[in-house]
């Protein structure tokens, strides 16, 4: 059953695959929602599963939904009222928070090793996704993003710490990824879904970055984006199916459905 529209819009932080899945699921369920990433260009690898390219191109679509970049508050209000597209806010975090009266804020930035500040004063409901969140500490509600307890709702206490190793895909774990060895600017002419077997996929400040194994490019940092040391630059899916590089991924979708459940519950409880 589809939830009725929320009395005020929801703000989702993070234009990667998890934040985009949250925005997508909430939007298609009838909630008015806006997405934020910035002000720095988003270093999002899984761009076929995300709205991150709206930051650069002005709009981006996946799984039948389009996000439109917004730089002015007046445009945000108009898009939210139309309920036809997801506004993608590309300014500072403070500007996004001041852009509307949000009924909920969802932090889906997935900053794995960071300790998020207490954001409970920013909205009546603040939901934190993944490591570093403490329900009743720096958010009202937290949601597990690890496969061991994926989508579990936490109303008191902390989420699980960072797991450390990615879940295998097609039998390949961390070895399917290429990471930045230093800070730099990534350059590439390849595209999400391209087949690679060996050789150079791009460069980091002129230093070649090779495909870690054979398969299709499920993750690829956008050309010209600055990255920090340790950032994931390339992800190869050894299953070799380009269709698996686009749309809602299994893990992001399950996390997004948990957020939807939490918001529906909060919406019902808020009714007189």
C-alpha atoms as a PDB file:
ATOM      1  CA  UNK A   1       0.000   0.000   0.000  1.00  0.00           C
ATOM      2  CA  UNK A   2       1.325   3.436  -0.936  1.00  0.00           C
ATOM      3  CA  UNK A   3       1.818   5.938   1.869  1.00  0.00           C
ATOM      4  CA  UNK A   4       0.031   9.286   1.607  1.00  0.00           C
ATOM      5  CA  UNK A   5       2.249  12.284   0.862  1.00  0.00           C
ATOM      6  CA  UNK A   6       4.194  13.552   3.844  1.00  0.00           C
ATOM      7  CA  UNK A   7       3.091  16.892   5.352  1.00  0.00           C
ATOM      8  CA  UNK A   8       6.538  18.277   4.542  1.00  0.00           C
ATOM      9  CA  UNK A   9       9.306  17.055   2.248  1.00  0.00           C
ATOM     10  CA  UNK A  10      12.156  14.714   3.131  1.00  0.00           C
ATOM     11  CA  UNK A  11      15.809  15.658   2.589  1.00  0.00           C
ATOM     12  CA  UNK A  12      18.274  12.892   1.729  1.00  0.00           C
ATOM     13  CA  UNK A  13      22.005  13.526   2.040  1.00  0.00           C
ATOM     14  CA  UNK A  14      24.202  11.538  -0.344  1.00  0.00           C
ATOM     15  CA  UNK A  15      23.973  11.140  -4.109  1.00  0.00           C
ATOM     16  CA  UNK A  16      25.555   7.684  -4.222  1.00  0.00           C
ATOM     17  CA  UNK A  17      23.732   4.419  -4.826  1.00  0.00           C
ATOM     18  CA  UNK A  18      22.314   4.207  -1.288  1.00  0.00           C
ATOM     19  CA  UNK A  19      21.126   7.822  -1.035  1.00  0.00           C
ATOM     20  CA  UNK A  20      19.744   7.704  -4.568  1.00  0.00           C
ATOM     21  CA  UNK A  21      17.870   4.474  -3.830  1.00  0.00           C
ATOM     22  CA  UNK A  22      16.360   6.081  -0.724  1.00  0.00           C
ATOM     23  CA  UNK A  23      15.246   9.136  -2.723  1.00  0.00           C
ATOM     24  CA  UNK A  24      13.904   6.913  -5.518  1.00  0.00           C
ATOM     25  CA  UNK A  25      11.885   4.629  -3.223  1.00  0.00           C
ATOM     26  CA  UNK A  26      10.444   7.507  -1.183  1.00  0.00           C
ATOM     27  CA  UNK A  27       9.542   9.450  -4.333  1.00  0.00           C
ATOM     28  CA  UNK A  28       7.751   6.514  -5.968  1.00  0.00           C
ATOM     29  CA  UNK A  29       5.923   5.837  -2.671  1.00  0.00           C
ATOM     30  CA  UNK A  30       4.375   9.320  -2.697  1.00  0.00           C
ATOM     31  CA  UNK A  31       6.717  11.263  -0.448  1.00  0.00           C
ATOM     32  CA  UNK A  32       8.034  14.624  -1.614  1.00  0.00           C
ATOM     33  CA  UNK A  33      11.805  14.292  -1.473  1.00  0.00           C
ATOM     34  CA  UNK A  34      14.957  16.221  -2.325  1.00  0.00           C
ATOM     35  CA  UNK A  35      18.500  14.903  -2.650  1.00  0.00           C
ATOM     36  CA  UNK A  36      21.722  16.692  -1.733  1.00  0.00           C
ATOM     37  CA  UNK A  37      25.371  16.159  -2.592  1.00  0.00           C
ATOM     38  CA  UNK A  38      28.044  18.821  -2.585  1.00  0.00           C
ATOM     39  CA  UNK A  39      29.446  21.371  -2.669  1.00  0.00           C
ATOM     40  CA  UNK A  40      32.430  19.293  -3.853  1.00  0.00           C
ATOM     41  CA  UNK A  41      31.844  17.170  -6.973  1.00  0.00           C
ATOM     42  CA  UNK A  42      30.570  13.758  -5.838  1.00  0.00           C
ATOM     43  CA  UNK A  43      33.106  10.930  -6.156  1.00  0.00           C
ATOM     44  CA  UNK A  44      30.437   8.287  -6.786  1.00  0.00           C
ATOM     45  CA  UNK A  45      31.568   5.059  -8.491  1.00  0.00           C
ATOM     46  CA  UNK A  46      28.200   3.311  -9.131  1.00  0.00           C
ATOM     47  CA  UNK A  47      26.757   6.093 -11.251  1.00  0.00           C
ATOM     48  CA  UNK A  48      24.401   3.783 -13.149  1.00  0.00           C
ATOM     49  CA  UNK A  49      22.634   3.201  -9.834  1.00  0.00           C
ATOM     50  CA  UNK A  50      22.624   6.823  -8.691  1.00  0.00           C
ATOM     51  CA  UNK A  51      21.534  10.372  -9.442  1.00  0.00           C
ATOM     52  CA  UNK A  52      25.071  11.725  -8.890  1.00  0.00           C
ATOM     53  CA  UNK A  53      25.571  12.785 -12.517  1.00  0.00           C
ATOM     54  CA  UNK A  54      22.832  15.411 -12.054  1.00  0.00           C
ATOM     55  CA  UNK A  55      25.494  17.428 -10.226  1.00  0.00           C
ATOM     56  CA  UNK A  56      27.464  17.706 -13.498  1.00  0.00           C
ATOM     57  CA  UNK A  57      24.851  17.391 -16.260  1.00  0.00           C
ATOM     58  CA  UNK A  58      21.889  19.200 -14.687  1.00  0.00           C
ATOM     59  CA  UNK A  59      19.787  16.043 -14.620  1.00  0.00           C
ATOM     60  CA  UNK A  60      20.144  12.289 -14.298  1.00  0.00           C
ATOM     61  CA  UNK A  61      17.710   9.390 -14.522  1.00  0.00           C
ATOM     62  CA  UNK A  62      17.602   5.765 -13.476  1.00  0.00           C
ATOM     63  CA  UNK A  63      14.832   3.203 -12.968  1.00  0.00           C
ATOM     64  CA  UNK A  64      12.251   5.548 -14.454  1.00  0.00           C
ATOM     65  CA  UNK A  65      12.862   8.557 -12.167  1.00  0.00           C
ATOM     66  CA  UNK A  66      14.701  11.803 -12.969  1.00  0.00           C
ATOM     67  CA  UNK A  67      16.562  14.161 -10.651  1.00  0.00           C
ATOM     68  CA  UNK A  68      17.087  17.824 -11.612  1.00  0.00           C
ATOM     69  CA  UNK A  69      19.922  19.945 -10.270  1.00  0.00           C
ATOM     70  CA  UNK A  70      18.737  22.925  -8.221  1.00  0.00           C
ATOM     71  CA  UNK A  71      20.853  25.963  -7.351  1.00  0.00           C
ATOM     72  CA  UNK A  72      18.138  28.414  -6.277  1.00  0.00           C
ATOM     73  CA  UNK A  73      15.678  28.096  -3.387  1.00  0.00           C
ATOM     74  CA  UNK A  74      12.796  29.239  -5.595  1.00  0.00           C
ATOM     75  CA  UNK A  75      13.438  26.364  -8.009  1.00  0.00           C
ATOM     76  CA  UNK A  76      13.448  23.911  -5.088  1.00  0.00           C
ATOM     77  CA  UNK A  77      10.009  25.029  -3.946  1.00  0.00           C
ATOM     78  CA  UNK A  78       8.644  24.807  -7.488  1.00  0.00           C
ATOM     79  CA  UNK A  79       9.969  21.303  -8.106  1.00  0.00           C
ATOM     80  CA  UNK A  80       8.737  20.020  -4.759  1.00  0.00           C
ATOM     81  CA  UNK A  81       5.290  21.431  -5.497  1.00  0.00           C
ATOM     82  CA  UNK A  82       5.188  19.825  -8.955  1.00  0.00           C
ATOM     83  CA  UNK A  83       6.099  16.379  -7.552  1.00  0.00           C
ATOM     84  CA  UNK A  84       7.336  15.312 -10.999  1.00  0.00           C
ATOM     85  CA  UNK A  85      11.110  15.255 -10.474  1.00  0.00           C
ATOM     86  CA  UNK A  86      13.500  14.909  -7.561  1.00  0.00           C
ATOM     87  CA  UNK A  87      15.355  18.168  -6.834  1.00  0.00           C
ATOM     88  CA  UNK A  88      19.110  17.597  -6.560  1.00  0.00           C
ATOM     89  CA  UNK A  89      20.654  20.265  -4.321  1.00  0.00           C
ATOM     90  CA  UNK A  90      24.304  20.876  -5.107  1.00  0.00           C
ATOM     91  CA  UNK A  91      25.271  23.607  -2.631  1.00  0.00           C
ATOM     92  CA  UNK A  92      26.451  23.513   0.958  1.00  0.00           C
ATOM     93  CA  UNK A  93      24.789  21.309   3.552  1.00  0.00           C
ATOM     94  CA  UNK A  94      23.607  24.366   5.479  1.00  0.00           C
ATOM     95  CA  UNK A  95      21.909  25.754   2.362  1.00  0.00           C
ATOM     96  CA  UNK A  96      20.091  22.460   1.814  1.00  0.00           C
ATOM     97  CA  UNK A  97      18.842  22.372   5.393  1.00  0.00           C
ATOM     98  CA  UNK A  98      17.603  25.960   5.114  1.00  0.00           C
ATOM     99  CA  UNK A  99      15.899  25.316   1.754  1.00  0.00           C
ATOM    100  CA  UNK A 100      12.619  23.968   3.168  1.00  0.00           C
ATOM    101  CA  UNK A 101      10.863  22.887   6.321  1.00  0.00           C
ATOM    102  CA  UNK A 102      11.835  19.220   6.235  1.00  0.00           C
ATOM    103  CA  UNK A 103       9.734  16.627   8.043  1.00  0.00           C
ATOM    104  CA  UNK A 104      12.714  14.260   8.012  1.00  0.00           C
ATOM    105  CA  UNK A 105      16.401  14.201   7.132  1.00  0.00           C
ATOM    106  CA  UNK A 106      18.077  10.976   6.010  1.00  0.00           C
ATOM    107  CA  UNK A 107      21.879  10.872   6.155  1.00  0.00           C
ATOM    108  CA  UNK A 108      22.887   8.393   3.448  1.00  0.00           C
ATOM    109  CA  UNK A 109      26.373   9.768   2.824  1.00  0.00           C
ATOM    110  CA  UNK A 110      27.881   6.471   3.999  1.00  0.00           C
ATOM    111  CA  UNK A 111      30.954   8.144   5.491  1.00  0.00           C
ATOM    112  CA  UNK A 112      32.263   4.827   6.773  1.00  0.00           C
ATOM    113  CA  UNK A 113      35.009   6.032   9.103  1.00  0.00           C
ATOM    114  CA  UNK A 114      33.516   9.369  10.178  1.00  0.00           C
ATOM    115  CA  UNK A 115      31.677  10.113  13.398  1.00  0.00           C
ATOM    116  CA  UNK A 116      28.638  12.182  12.352  1.00  0.00           C
ATOM    117  CA  UNK A 117      27.705  15.185  14.462  1.00  0.00           C
ATOM    118  CA  UNK A 118      24.403  15.270  16.335  1.00  0.00           C
ATOM    119  CA  UNK A 119      21.848  16.325  13.703  1.00  0.00           C
ATOM    120  CA  UNK A 120      18.649  15.805  15.708  1.00  0.00           C
ATOM    121  CA  UNK A 121      17.867  19.528  15.772  1.00  0.00           C
ATOM    122  CA  UNK A 122      17.652  19.726  11.954  1.00  0.00           C
ATOM    123  CA  UNK A 123      14.284  17.947  11.587  1.00  0.00           C
ATOM    124  CA  UNK A 124      11.589  16.193  13.639  1.00  0.00           C
ATOM    125  CA  UNK A 125      13.003  12.870  12.415  1.00  0.00           C
ATOM    126  CA  UNK A 126      16.664  12.292  11.559  1.00  0.00           C
ATOM    127  CA  UNK A 127      17.599   8.853  10.220  1.00  0.00           C
ATOM    128  CA  UNK A 128      21.240   7.805  10.013  1.00  0.00           C
ATOM    129  CA  UNK A 129      22.383   5.000   7.725  1.00  0.00           C
ATOM    130  CA  UNK A 130      25.368   2.809   8.463  1.00  0.00           C
ATOM    131  CA  UNK A 131      28.437   2.950  10.720  1.00  0.00           C
ATOM    132  CA  UNK A 132      28.893   5.848  13.130  1.00  0.00           C
ATOM    133  CA  UNK A 133      25.257   6.498  13.952  1.00  0.00           C
ATOM    134  CA  UNK A 134      23.775   6.201  17.430  1.00  0.00           C
ATOM    135  CA  UNK A 135      19.994   6.317  17.789  1.00  0.00           C
ATOM    136  CA  UNK A 136      19.307   8.742  20.608  1.00  0.00           C
ATOM    137  CA  UNK A 137      22.822  10.175  20.223  1.00  0.00           C
ATOM    138  CA  UNK A 138      23.444  11.784  16.838  1.00  0.00           C
ATOM    139  CA  UNK A 139      20.164  10.736  15.159  1.00  0.00           C
ATOM    140  CA  UNK A 140      16.654   9.726  16.195  1.00  0.00           C
ATOM    141  CA  UNK A 141      16.675   6.412  14.324  1.00  0.00           C
ATOM    142  CA  UNK A 142      19.468   4.435  12.693  1.00  0.00           C
ATOM    143  CA  UNK A 143      19.366   1.710  10.052  1.00  0.00           C
ATOM    144  CA  UNK A 144      21.893  -1.074   9.553  1.00  0.00           C
ATOM    145  CA  UNK A 145      23.609  -1.183   6.174  1.00  0.00           C
ATOM    146  CA  UNK A 146      25.795  -4.260   6.747  1.00  0.00           C
ATOM    147  CA  UNK A 147      24.675  -7.488   5.079  1.00  0.00           C
ATOM    148  CA  UNK A 148      24.571  -9.260   8.453  1.00  0.00           C
ATOM    149  CA  UNK A 149      21.620  -7.158   9.654  1.00  0.00           C
ATOM    150  CA  UNK A 150      20.652  -5.292   6.495  1.00  0.00           C
ATOM    151  CA  UNK A 151      17.722  -2.912   6.993  1.00  0.00           C
ATOM    152  CA  UNK A 152      17.416  -3.470  10.741  1.00  0.00           C
ATOM    153  CA  UNK A 153      15.800  -0.486  12.468  1.00  0.00           C
ATOM    154  CA  UNK A 154      17.599   0.788  15.566  1.00  0.00           C
ATOM    155  CA  UNK A 155      15.767   3.100  17.943  1.00  0.00           C
ATOM    156  CA  UNK A 156      18.299   2.964  20.786  1.00  0.00           C
ATOM    157  CA  UNK A 157      22.037   2.474  20.533  1.00  0.00           C
ATOM    158  CA  UNK A 158      24.666   2.267  17.813  1.00  0.00           C
ATOM    159  CA  UNK A 159      24.864   0.621  14.425  1.00  0.00           C
ATOM    160  CA  UNK A 160      27.442  -2.067  13.734  1.00  0.00           C
ATOM    161  CA  UNK A 161      31.027  -0.932  13.107  1.00  0.00           C
ATOM    162  CA  UNK A 162      32.503  -0.979   9.618  1.00  0.00           C
ATOM    163  CA  UNK A 163      32.667  -4.574   8.385  1.00  0.00           C
ATOM    164  CA  UNK A 164      35.948  -4.095   6.558  1.00  0.00           C
ATOM    165  CA  UNK A 165      35.574  -6.398   3.552  1.00  0.00           C
ATOM    166  CA  UNK A 166      33.047  -6.032   0.710  1.00  0.00           C
ATOM    167  CA  UNK A 167      30.597  -8.840   0.015  1.00  0.00           C
ATOM    168  CA  UNK A 168      31.795 -10.997  -2.922  1.00  0.00           C
ATOM    169  CA  UNK A 169      30.201 -10.435  -6.333  1.00  0.00           C
ATOM    170  CA  UNK A 170      30.652 -13.220  -8.851  1.00  0.00           C
ATOM    171  CA  UNK A 171      33.192 -14.758  -6.490  1.00  0.00           C
ATOM    172  CA  UNK A 172      35.332 -11.601  -6.275  1.00  0.00           C
ATOM    173  CA  UNK A 173      35.622  -9.450  -3.159  1.00  0.00           C
ATOM    174  CA  UNK A 174      37.971  -6.507  -2.709  1.00  0.00           C
ATOM    175  CA  UNK A 175      40.036  -7.681  -5.679  1.00  0.00           C
ATOM    176  CA  UNK A 176      37.331  -6.465  -8.077  1.00  0.00           C
ATOM    177  CA  UNK A 177      38.065  -2.842  -7.104  1.00  0.00           C
ATOM    178  CA  UNK A 178      40.849  -0.383  -7.913  1.00  0.00           C
ATOM    179  CA  UNK A 179      41.560   2.307  -5.308  1.00  0.00           C
ATOM    180  CA  UNK A 180      43.307   5.676  -5.363  1.00  0.00           C
ATOM    181  CA  UNK A 181      46.857   5.376  -4.043  1.00  0.00           C
ATOM    182  CA  UNK A 182      47.035   9.143  -3.412  1.00  0.00           C
ATOM    183  CA  UNK A 183      44.957  12.310  -3.679  1.00  0.00           C
ATOM    184  CA  UNK A 184      44.460  13.337  -7.288  1.00  0.00           C
ATOM    185  CA  UNK A 185      42.177  13.897 -10.261  1.00  0.00           C
ATOM    186  CA  UNK A 186      40.796  10.832 -12.015  1.00  0.00           C
ATOM    187  CA  UNK A 187      40.538  10.888 -15.800  1.00  0.00           C
ATOM    188  CA  UNK A 188      38.838   8.268 -17.963  1.00  0.00           C
ATOM    189  CA  UNK A 189      37.142   7.805 -21.328  1.00  0.00           C
ATOM    190  CA  UNK A 190      35.356   4.607 -20.292  1.00  0.00           C
ATOM    191  CA  UNK A 191      31.685   4.305 -19.323  1.00  0.00           C
ATOM    192  CA  UNK A 192      29.599   2.374 -16.824  1.00  0.00           C
ATOM    193  CA  UNK A 193      28.714  -1.003 -18.354  1.00  0.00           C
ATOM    194  CA  UNK A 194      31.799  -1.185 -20.596  1.00  0.00           C
ATOM    195  CA  UNK A 195      33.537  -4.550 -20.884  1.00  0.00           C
ATOM    196  CA  UNK A 196      37.150  -4.614 -19.656  1.00  0.00           C
ATOM    197  CA  UNK A 197      39.620  -7.484 -19.590  1.00  0.00           C
ATOM    198  CA  UNK A 198      42.979  -5.921 -18.832  1.00  0.00           C
ATOM    199  CA  UNK A 199      44.845  -2.725 -19.488  1.00  0.00           C
ATOM    200  CA  UNK A 200      44.266   0.878 -18.528  1.00  0.00           C
ATOM    201  CA  UNK A 201      40.839   2.162 -17.486  1.00  0.00           C
ATOM    202  CA  UNK A 202      41.940   5.678 -16.556  1.00  0.00           C
ATOM    203  CA  UNK A 203      44.626   7.754 -14.873  1.00  0.00           C
ATOM    204  CA  UNK A 204      45.068   9.403 -11.501  1.00  0.00           C
ATOM    205  CA  UNK A 205      47.136  12.555 -11.966  1.00  0.00           C
ATOM    206  CA  UNK A 206      48.673  10.894 -15.025  1.00  0.00           C
ATOM    207  CA  UNK A 207      49.418   7.571 -13.315  1.00  0.00           C
ATOM    208  CA  UNK A 208      47.670   4.657 -15.095  1.00  0.00           C
ATOM    209  CA  UNK A 209      44.841   2.848 -13.326  1.00  0.00           C
ATOM    210  CA  UNK A 210      44.385  -0.704 -14.598  1.00  0.00           C
ATOM    211  CA  UNK A 211      41.276  -2.886 -14.607  1.00  0.00           C
ATOM    212  CA  UNK A 212      41.661  -5.235 -11.615  1.00  0.00           C
ATOM    213  CA  UNK A 213      40.051  -8.184 -13.468  1.00  0.00           C
ATOM    214  CA  UNK A 214      37.832  -9.036 -16.449  1.00  0.00           C
ATOM    215  CA  UNK A 215      34.167  -8.068 -16.476  1.00  0.00           C
ATOM    216  CA  UNK A 216      31.954  -5.002 -16.871  1.00  0.00           C
ATOM    217  CA  UNK A 217      32.433  -1.623 -15.224  1.00  0.00           C
ATOM    218  CA  UNK A 218      29.862  -1.472 -12.441  1.00  0.00           C
ATOM    219  CA  UNK A 219      31.666   1.405 -10.757  1.00  0.00           C
ATOM    220  CA  UNK A 220      33.706   4.205 -12.322  1.00  0.00           C
ATOM    221  CA  UNK A 221      34.457   7.641 -10.902  1.00  0.00           C
ATOM    222  CA  UNK A 222      33.395  10.352 -13.336  1.00  0.00           C
ATOM    223  CA  UNK A 223      36.069  11.876 -15.540  1.00  0.00           C
ATOM    224  CA  UNK A 224      37.747  14.938 -14.015  1.00  0.00           C
ATOM    225  CA  UNK A 225      36.597  14.399 -10.417  1.00  0.00           C
ATOM    226  CA  UNK A 226      39.137  14.970  -7.596  1.00  0.00           C
ATOM    227  CA  UNK A 227      39.441  12.044  -5.182  1.00  0.00           C
ATOM    228  CA  UNK A 228      41.156  11.327  -1.899  1.00  0.00           C
ATOM    229  CA  UNK A 229      43.652   8.549  -1.250  1.00  0.00           C
ATOM    230  CA  UNK A 230      41.829   5.284  -0.631  1.00  0.00           C
ATOM    231  CA  UNK A 231      38.757   6.206  -2.692  1.00  0.00           C
ATOM    232  CA  UNK A 232      37.286   3.484  -4.896  1.00  0.00           C
ATOM    233  CA  UNK A 233      37.998   4.463  -8.507  1.00  0.00           C
ATOM    234  CA  UNK A 234      36.892   1.379 -10.409  1.00  0.00           C
ATOM    235  CA  UNK A 235      34.644  -1.597  -9.675  1.00  0.00           C
ATOM    236  CA  UNK A 236      34.475  -4.528 -12.093  1.00  0.00           C
ATOM    237  CA  UNK A 237      31.595  -6.994 -12.017  1.00  0.00           C
ATOM    238  CA  UNK A 238      33.016 -10.353 -13.159  1.00  0.00           C
ATOM    239  CA  UNK A 239      29.522 -11.664 -13.977  1.00  0.00           C
ATOM    240  CA  UNK A 240      29.825  -9.663 -17.184  1.00  0.00           C
ATOM    241  CA  UNK A 241      26.199  -8.504 -17.507  1.00  0.00           C
ATOM    242  CA  UNK A 242      25.930  -4.730 -18.214  1.00  0.00           C
ATOM    243  CA  UNK A 243      22.286  -4.745 -17.041  1.00  0.00           C
ATOM    244  CA  UNK A 244      23.518  -5.396 -13.489  1.00  0.00           C
ATOM    245  CA  UNK A 245      25.344  -2.047 -13.549  1.00  0.00           C
ATOM    246  CA  UNK A 246      22.150   0.014 -13.739  1.00  0.00           C
ATOM    247  CA  UNK A 247      19.014   0.526 -11.651  1.00  0.00           C
ATOM    248  CA  UNK A 248      18.277  -0.226  -8.015  1.00  0.00           C
ATOM    249  CA  UNK A 249      20.829  -2.577  -6.485  1.00  0.00           C
ATOM    250  CA  UNK A 250      19.706  -5.217  -3.982  1.00  0.00           C
ATOM    251  CA  UNK A 251      21.444  -3.727  -0.926  1.00  0.00           C
ATOM    252  CA  UNK A 252      20.516  -0.056  -1.610  1.00  0.00           C
ATOM    253  CA  UNK A 253      16.899  -1.037  -2.272  1.00  0.00           C
ATOM    254  CA  UNK A 254      16.586  -2.997   0.975  1.00  0.00           C
ATOM    255  CA  UNK A 255      18.060  -0.082   2.927  1.00  0.00           C
ATOM    256  CA  UNK A 256      15.678   2.313   1.163  1.00  0.00           C
ATOM    257  CA  UNK A 257      12.673   0.140   1.995  1.00  0.00           C
ATOM    258  CA  UNK A 258      13.707   0.230   5.667  1.00  0.00           C
ATOM    259  CA  UNK A 259      13.790   4.048   5.499  1.00  0.00           C
ATOM    260  CA  UNK A 260      10.357   4.032   3.862  1.00  0.00           C
ATOM    261  CA  UNK A 261       9.002   1.827   6.660  1.00  0.00           C
ATOM    262  CA  UNK A 262      10.412   4.172   9.326  1.00  0.00           C
ATOM    263  CA  UNK A 263       8.896   7.220   7.613  1.00  0.00           C
ATOM    264  CA  UNK A 264       5.509   5.581   7.164  1.00  0.00           C
ATOM    265  CA  UNK A 265       5.450   4.694  10.847  1.00  0.00           C
ATOM    266  CA  UNK A 266       6.422   8.256  11.821  1.00  0.00           C
ATOM    267  CA  UNK A 267       3.784   9.691   9.463  1.00  0.00           C
ATOM    268  CA  UNK A 268       1.052   7.510  10.955  1.00  0.00           C
ATOM    269  CA  UNK A 269       2.084   8.364  14.508  1.00  0.00           C
ATOM    270  CA  UNK A 270       2.052  12.095  13.717  1.00  0.00           C
ATOM    271  CA  UNK A 271      -1.575  12.034  12.571  1.00  0.00           C
ATOM    272  CA  UNK A 272      -4.127  13.398  15.044  1.00  0.00           C
END
